[in-house]
Amino acid sequence: MKITLLCGGKGGERAVSLISGLRVSEALFTAGHRVAIFDIDEVPDAEMLPFLRRADAVFLALHGGAGEGGALQEMLDTAGIAHYTGSAAAAAALAMNKLSAKQAVATVGLPVTPSIIWQVGAPRPHIPYPAVIKPLCGGSSVGLTIAESAHDTDKISPTEPMLIEPLLVGREYSVGVLAGSALPVVEIRPRGGVYDYQSKYEAGGAEELCPAPISEEKTILLQTMALRAFEALGLRDFARIDFKEDGTGTPYFLEANTLPGMTDTSLLPLAAKRAGISFPTLCTRMATLAAARKKQN
């Protein structure tokens, strides 16, 4: 296939996106595809558009912000380019907003924690400590704070809406979904106790066990919950769904990642590998799902 790959962009996840983009482009090249790669923050849209239109598939290796949150997808749809990887604009925007995503999956019976929104310029709301405070729309745990008391929030002055939710103390899991099927469950054990940006992307920052050392019953439960969340959010092709248990062992939906990381420490490639899917094959499958939409048009 002829594949145009987009990566980079602005914001806190730019560096990870560039790493994902280079790694995916190498894998696609290894699999025999022709790849043109663009940093969307460096190349004008007019220069990219011919490559996007001619491509059999447009591979989005972007994380967070406009690249994952629906704005880029909406621009591609407007340009008549439907053959991009991942979810469509409305579903991407829904999943990116953590509160809206929780509300959507709650309608299909999945457990979610209560949430408080801390708006820019507003006084600090009443917070039930210990709590997790993180950007309402964002990924890679950028800007995440664990607040044990008011002392931890005194220094916070939000520059964007923040989501506040109770800190869950149980085990943490991630479930990849690919082409309608759930991949093996990953258990995440951050070495510092918090699965933040450094834990995710620094070598040795977390122990990631796949398949997770849990019962078959718990595995099926988490995979079923992931598929139900995927459907409730209207996602397509692939995603990564994250969960965390409370003190009783009940798993709660945390968030959905519609363009999950593709670095050498990322969880979706790890789960795919455990399912017998090599990284070049995974990238090819993701591109093939997008290419099918061009053929339909």
Protein backbone atom coordinates (compact mmCIF):
# COMPACT_ATOMS: atom_id res chain seq x y z
CA MET A 1 0.00 0.00 0.00
CA LYS A 2 0.89 3.66 -0.36
CA ILE A 3 0.61 5.05 3.15
CA THR A 4 0.89 8.65 4.33
CA LEU A 5 1.76 8.89 7.99
CA LEU A 6 1.06 11.96 10.13
CA CYS A 7 2.79 12.58 13.44
CA GLY A 8 4.13 15.38 15.63
CA GLY A 9 1.76 18.23 16.24
CA LYS A 10 1.81 20.61 19.18
CA GLY A 11 1.40 20.00 22.89
CA GLY A 12 2.82 17.80 25.59
CA GLU A 13 2.59 14.59 23.58
CA ARG A 14 4.54 15.79 20.55
CA ALA A 15 7.72 13.90 21.47
CA VAL A 16 5.87 10.61 21.94
CA SER A 17 4.03 11.12 18.65
CA LEU A 18 7.30 11.58 16.78
CA ILE A 19 8.66 8.36 18.30
CA SER A 20 5.44 6.50 17.42
CA GLY A 21 5.56 7.88 13.89
CA LEU A 22 9.14 6.84 13.20
CA ARG A 23 8.61 3.39 14.68
CA VAL A 24 5.39 2.82 12.70
CA SER A 25 6.94 4.08 9.46
CA GLU A 26 9.86 1.67 9.87
CA ALA A 27 7.46 -1.21 10.56
CA LEU A 28 5.32 -0.40 7.52
CA PHE A 29 8.42 -0.14 5.34
CA THR A 30 9.59 -3.51 6.69
CA ALA A 31 6.20 -4.96 5.74
CA GLY A 32 6.72 -3.82 2.16
CA HIS A 33 4.62 -0.65 2.05
CA ARG A 34 5.58 2.74 0.62
CA VAL A 35 5.46 5.38 3.33
CA ALA A 36 5.48 9.19 3.23
CA ILE A 37 5.80 10.73 6.70
CA PHE A 38 4.86 14.28 7.70
CA ASP A 39 5.19 16.26 10.92
CA ILE A 40 1.89 18.16 10.84
CA ASP A 41 3.41 21.05 12.78
CA GLU A 42 6.14 21.53 10.19
CA VAL A 43 4.41 21.01 6.84
CA PRO A 44 1.54 23.18 5.48
CA ASP A 45 -1.79 21.44 4.87
CA ALA A 46 -1.69 22.33 1.18
CA GLU A 47 1.58 20.46 0.80
CA MET A 48 0.28 17.36 2.57
CA LEU A 49 -3.14 17.11 0.92
CA PRO A 50 -2.02 15.56 -2.39
CA PHE A 51 -0.19 12.82 -0.49
CA LEU A 52 -3.24 12.24 1.71
CA ARG A 53 -5.59 11.93 -1.26
CA ARG A 54 -3.30 9.62 -3.26
CA ALA A 55 -2.55 7.34 -0.33
CA ASP A 56 -4.32 4.04 0.11
CA ALA A 57 -4.37 4.78 3.85
CA VAL A 58 -3.53 7.72 6.10
CA PHE A 59 -1.90 6.52 9.31
CA LEU A 60 -2.44 8.84 12.28
CA ALA A 61 0.41 8.51 14.77
CA LEU A 62 -0.73 11.48 16.84
CA HIS A 63 -1.55 11.55 20.54
CA GLY A 64 -3.71 14.01 22.42
CA GLY A 65 -4.82 17.47 21.35
CA ALA A 66 -6.29 18.17 17.93
CA GLY A 67 -4.64 15.11 16.42
CA GLU A 68 -6.49 12.62 18.59
CA GLY A 69 -9.44 14.67 19.77
CA GLY A 70 -11.39 14.94 16.52
CA ALA A 71 -10.25 18.24 14.97
CA LEU A 72 -7.84 16.63 12.50
CA GLN A 73 -10.34 13.89 11.73
CA GLU A 74 -13.00 16.51 10.99
CA MET A 75 -10.60 18.34 8.65
CA LEU A 76 -9.85 15.09 6.82
CA ASP A 77 -13.56 14.28 6.49
CA THR A 78 -14.23 17.76 5.11
CA ALA A 79 -11.47 17.21 2.54
CA GLY A 80 -13.10 13.95 1.48
CA ILE A 81 -10.39 11.82 3.08
CA ALA A 82 -12.14 9.02 5.00
CA HIS A 83 -9.31 6.50 4.77
CA TYR A 84 -7.49 7.48 7.97
CA THR A 85 -6.75 5.12 10.84
CA GLY A 86 -8.80 5.05 14.00
CA SER A 87 -12.11 6.51 15.03
CA ALA A 88 -14.13 9.18 13.24
CA ALA A 89 -14.25 12.77 14.45
CA ALA A 90 -17.29 12.66 16.74
CA ALA A 91 -16.20 9.48 18.53
CA ALA A 92 -12.63 10.75 18.89
CA ALA A 93 -13.90 13.98 20.47
CA LEU A 94 -16.20 12.06 22.82
CA ALA A 95 -13.43 9.75 24.00
CA MET A 96 -10.95 12.60 24.47
CA ASN A 97 -13.25 14.35 26.96
CA LYS A 98 -12.81 12.16 30.03
CA LEU A 99 -16.07 13.22 31.66
CA SER A 100 -18.15 12.72 28.51
CA ALA A 101 -16.51 9.34 27.97
CA LYS A 102 -17.32 8.23 31.51
CA GLN A 103 -20.91 9.36 31.10
CA ALA A 104 -21.23 7.43 27.83
CA VAL A 105 -19.89 4.15 29.19
CA ALA A 106 -21.96 4.51 32.35
CA THR A 107 -25.10 4.29 30.19
CA VAL A 108 -24.18 0.69 29.32
CA GLY A 109 -23.63 -0.24 32.97
CA LEU A 110 -19.88 0.08 33.35
CA PRO A 111 -18.69 1.34 36.76
CA VAL A 112 -17.23 4.86 36.75
CA THR A 113 -16.05 7.06 39.60
CA PRO A 114 -17.78 10.39 40.42
CA SER A 115 -16.12 13.41 38.83
CA ILE A 116 -15.70 17.11 39.55
CA ILE A 117 -14.63 19.67 36.96
CA TRP A 118 -12.26 22.46 38.03
CA GLN A 119 -12.68 25.25 35.52
CA VAL A 120 -10.00 27.77 34.61
CA GLY A 121 -10.14 30.78 36.92
CA ALA A 122 -12.57 29.13 39.33
CA PRO A 123 -11.78 28.68 43.02
CA ARG A 124 -10.70 25.24 44.13
CA PRO A 125 -13.80 23.04 44.48
CA HIS A 126 -14.41 20.75 47.41
CA ILE A 127 -12.11 17.78 46.79
CA PRO A 128 -12.60 14.39 48.46
CA TYR A 129 -8.98 13.47 49.21
CA PRO A 130 -7.07 11.44 48.15
CA ALA A 131 -7.85 12.41 44.58
CA VAL A 132 -6.52 12.30 41.04
CA ILE A 133 -6.43 15.63 39.21
CA LYS A 134 -5.77 15.59 35.46
CA PRO A 135 -6.64 17.56 32.32
CA LEU A 136 -10.20 16.97 31.17
CA CYS A 137 -8.99 16.51 27.59
CA GLY A 138 -5.54 15.01 27.23
CA GLY A 139 -3.53 11.85 27.23
CA SER A 140 -0.28 10.20 28.27
CA SER A 141 -0.99 11.30 31.87
CA VAL A 142 0.43 14.74 31.04
CA GLY A 143 -0.42 17.13 33.89
CA LEU A 144 -1.59 14.40 36.27
CA THR A 145 -1.42 15.11 40.01
CA ILE A 146 -2.11 12.80 42.94
CA ALA A 147 -3.48 15.00 45.74
CA GLU A 148 -3.38 13.59 49.27
CA SER A 149 -4.49 16.86 50.91
CA ALA A 150 -5.19 20.53 50.22
CA HIS A 151 -1.44 21.13 50.45
CA ASP A 152 -1.04 19.26 47.13
CA THR A 153 -3.62 21.45 45.38
CA ASP A 154 -2.51 24.85 46.70
CA LYS A 155 0.06 25.11 43.89
CA ILE A 156 -2.41 24.17 41.13
CA SER A 157 -3.75 27.01 39.01
CA PRO A 158 -5.55 25.38 36.06
CA THR A 159 -4.79 26.67 32.57
CA GLU A 160 -7.34 24.23 31.16
CA PRO A 161 -10.36 22.42 32.64
CA MET A 162 -9.28 19.72 35.07
CA LEU A 163 -11.05 16.50 36.03
CA ILE A 164 -11.02 15.51 39.70
CA GLU A 165 -11.90 11.96 40.72
CA PRO A 166 -11.29 9.72 43.74
CA LEU A 167 -7.97 7.90 43.84
CA LEU A 168 -8.53 4.18 43.34
CA VAL A 169 -6.07 1.98 45.18
CA GLY A 170 -6.40 -1.34 43.33
CA ARG A 171 -4.67 -2.94 40.37
CA GLU A 172 -4.52 -1.20 37.00
CA TYR A 173 -5.25 -2.79 33.62
CA SER A 174 -5.34 -1.93 29.95
CA VAL A 175 -7.21 -3.80 27.22
CA GLY A 176 -6.55 -3.27 23.54
CA VAL A 177 -9.31 -3.69 20.98
CA LEU A 178 -8.42 -4.51 17.39
CA ALA A 179 -10.95 -5.08 14.59
CA GLY A 180 -13.75 -6.00 16.99
CA SER A 181 -11.74 -8.34 19.20
CA ALA A 182 -10.18 -7.77 22.61
CA LEU A 183 -6.45 -8.41 22.94
CA PRO A 184 -4.80 -10.00 26.01
CA VAL A 185 -5.14 -7.94 29.19
CA VAL A 186 -2.12 -5.97 30.38
CA GLU A 187 -1.58 -5.31 34.08
CA ILE A 188 0.37 -2.14 34.83
CA ARG A 189 2.53 -1.87 37.93
CA PRO A 190 4.22 1.56 37.97
CA ARG A 191 7.46 1.45 39.92
CA GLY A 192 6.81 4.86 41.46
CA GLY A 193 3.25 3.99 42.42
CA VAL A 194 1.67 6.32 39.84
CA TYR A 195 1.34 5.56 36.12
CA ASP A 196 2.39 9.02 34.97
CA TYR A 197 4.14 10.24 31.81
CA GLN A 198 7.58 9.10 32.99
CA SER A 199 6.32 5.67 33.99
CA LYS A 200 4.74 5.19 30.59
CA TYR A 201 7.64 6.19 28.37
CA GLU A 202 10.87 5.77 30.32
CA ALA A 203 12.47 2.34 30.19
CA GLY A 204 11.87 0.57 33.50
CA GLY A 205 9.25 3.09 34.61
CA ALA A 206 6.62 0.41 35.01
CA GLU A 207 6.27 -3.34 35.04
CA GLU A 208 3.77 -4.32 32.35
CA LEU A 209 2.55 -7.89 32.63
CA CYS A 210 0.86 -9.46 29.61
CA PRO A 211 -1.10 -11.56 29.83
CA ALA A 212 -2.09 -10.16 33.21
CA PRO A 213 -1.69 -12.66 36.09
CA ILE A 214 -5.41 -12.82 36.81
CA SER A 215 -8.11 -15.46 36.65
CA GLU A 216 -9.79 -16.41 33.40
CA GLU A 217 -13.01 -15.01 34.85
CA LYS A 218 -11.40 -11.58 35.50
CA THR A 219 -9.78 -11.64 32.05
CA ILE A 220 -13.12 -12.23 30.35
CA LEU A 221 -14.74 -9.53 32.49
CA LEU A 222 -12.16 -6.90 31.55
CA GLN A 223 -12.23 -7.83 27.86
CA THR A 224 -16.02 -7.70 27.84
CA MET A 225 -15.99 -4.32 29.56
CA ALA A 226 -13.49 -3.02 27.01
CA LEU A 227 -15.65 -4.11 24.09
CA ARG A 228 -18.75 -2.56 25.69
CA ALA A 229 -16.91 0.73 26.26
CA PHE A 230 -15.59 0.66 22.70
CA GLU A 231 -19.13 0.26 21.37
CA ALA A 232 -20.67 2.81 23.75
CA LEU A 233 -18.20 5.45 22.57
CA GLY A 234 -18.80 4.64 18.91
CA LEU A 235 -15.15 3.82 18.26
CA ARG A 236 -13.84 1.94 15.26
CA ASP A 237 -10.82 -0.10 14.12
CA PHE A 238 -8.79 -0.08 17.33
CA ALA A 239 -8.37 1.59 20.73
CA ARG A 240 -6.97 0.96 24.18
CA ILE A 241 -9.34 0.97 27.16
CA ASP A 242 -7.95 1.55 30.66
CA PHE A 243 -9.36 0.32 33.96
CA LYS A 244 -8.43 0.47 37.65
CA GLU A 245 -9.80 -1.48 40.58
CA ASP A 246 -11.04 -0.11 43.87
CA GLY A 247 -10.16 -1.66 47.20
CA THR A 248 -12.73 -4.43 46.70
CA GLY A 249 -11.31 -5.53 43.34
CA THR A 250 -14.10 -3.97 41.26
CA PRO A 251 -12.68 -2.57 37.98
CA TYR A 252 -13.70 0.96 37.00
CA PHE A 253 -13.47 2.50 33.53
CA LEU A 254 -10.79 5.21 33.45
CA GLU A 255 -10.52 6.33 29.83
CA ALA A 256 -10.28 5.30 26.20
CA ASN A 257 -7.30 6.01 23.97
CA THR A 258 -8.35 6.20 20.33
CA LEU A 259 -4.79 6.65 18.99
CA PRO A 260 -2.73 4.74 21.55
CA GLY A 261 1.04 4.98 21.71
CA MET A 262 3.09 2.88 19.31
CA THR A 263 6.48 3.23 20.98
CA ASP A 264 8.59 0.32 22.19
CA THR A 265 7.10 0.73 25.69
CA SER A 266 3.48 1.12 24.56
CA LEU A 267 0.75 -1.27 25.67
CA LEU A 268 -1.22 -1.94 22.49
CA PRO A 269 1.81 -3.32 20.61
CA LEU A 270 2.69 -5.40 23.69
CA ALA A 271 -0.77 -6.95 23.84
CA ALA A 272 -0.77 -7.58 20.10
CA LYS A 273 2.60 -9.30 20.35
CA ARG A 274 1.26 -11.61 23.07
CA ALA A 275 -1.61 -12.43 20.72
CA GLY A 276 0.90 -13.48 18.06
CA ILE A 277 0.69 -10.27 16.02
CA SER A 278 4.08 -8.79 15.15
CA PHE A 279 4.50 -5.01 15.11
CA PRO A 280 4.73 -4.76 11.29
CA THR A 281 1.61 -6.94 11.02
CA LEU A 282 -0.22 -4.82 13.59
CA CYS A 283 0.58 -1.61 11.72
CA THR A 284 -0.45 -3.21 8.43
CA ARG A 285 -3.79 -4.32 9.89
CA MET A 286 -4.47 -0.83 11.21
CA ALA A 287 -3.70 0.67 7.80
CA THR A 288 -5.76 -1.97 5.99
CA LEU A 289 -8.84 -1.14 8.07
CA ALA A 290 -8.48 2.49 6.96
CA ALA A 291 -7.82 1.57 3.33
CA ALA A 292 -11.11 -0.31 3.20
CA ARG A 293 -12.94 3.01 3.64
CA LYS A 294 -11.30 4.42 0.51
CA LYS A 295 -12.43 1.44 -1.48
CA GLN A 296 -15.97 1.92 -0.17
CA ASN A 297 -15.96 5.50 -1.45
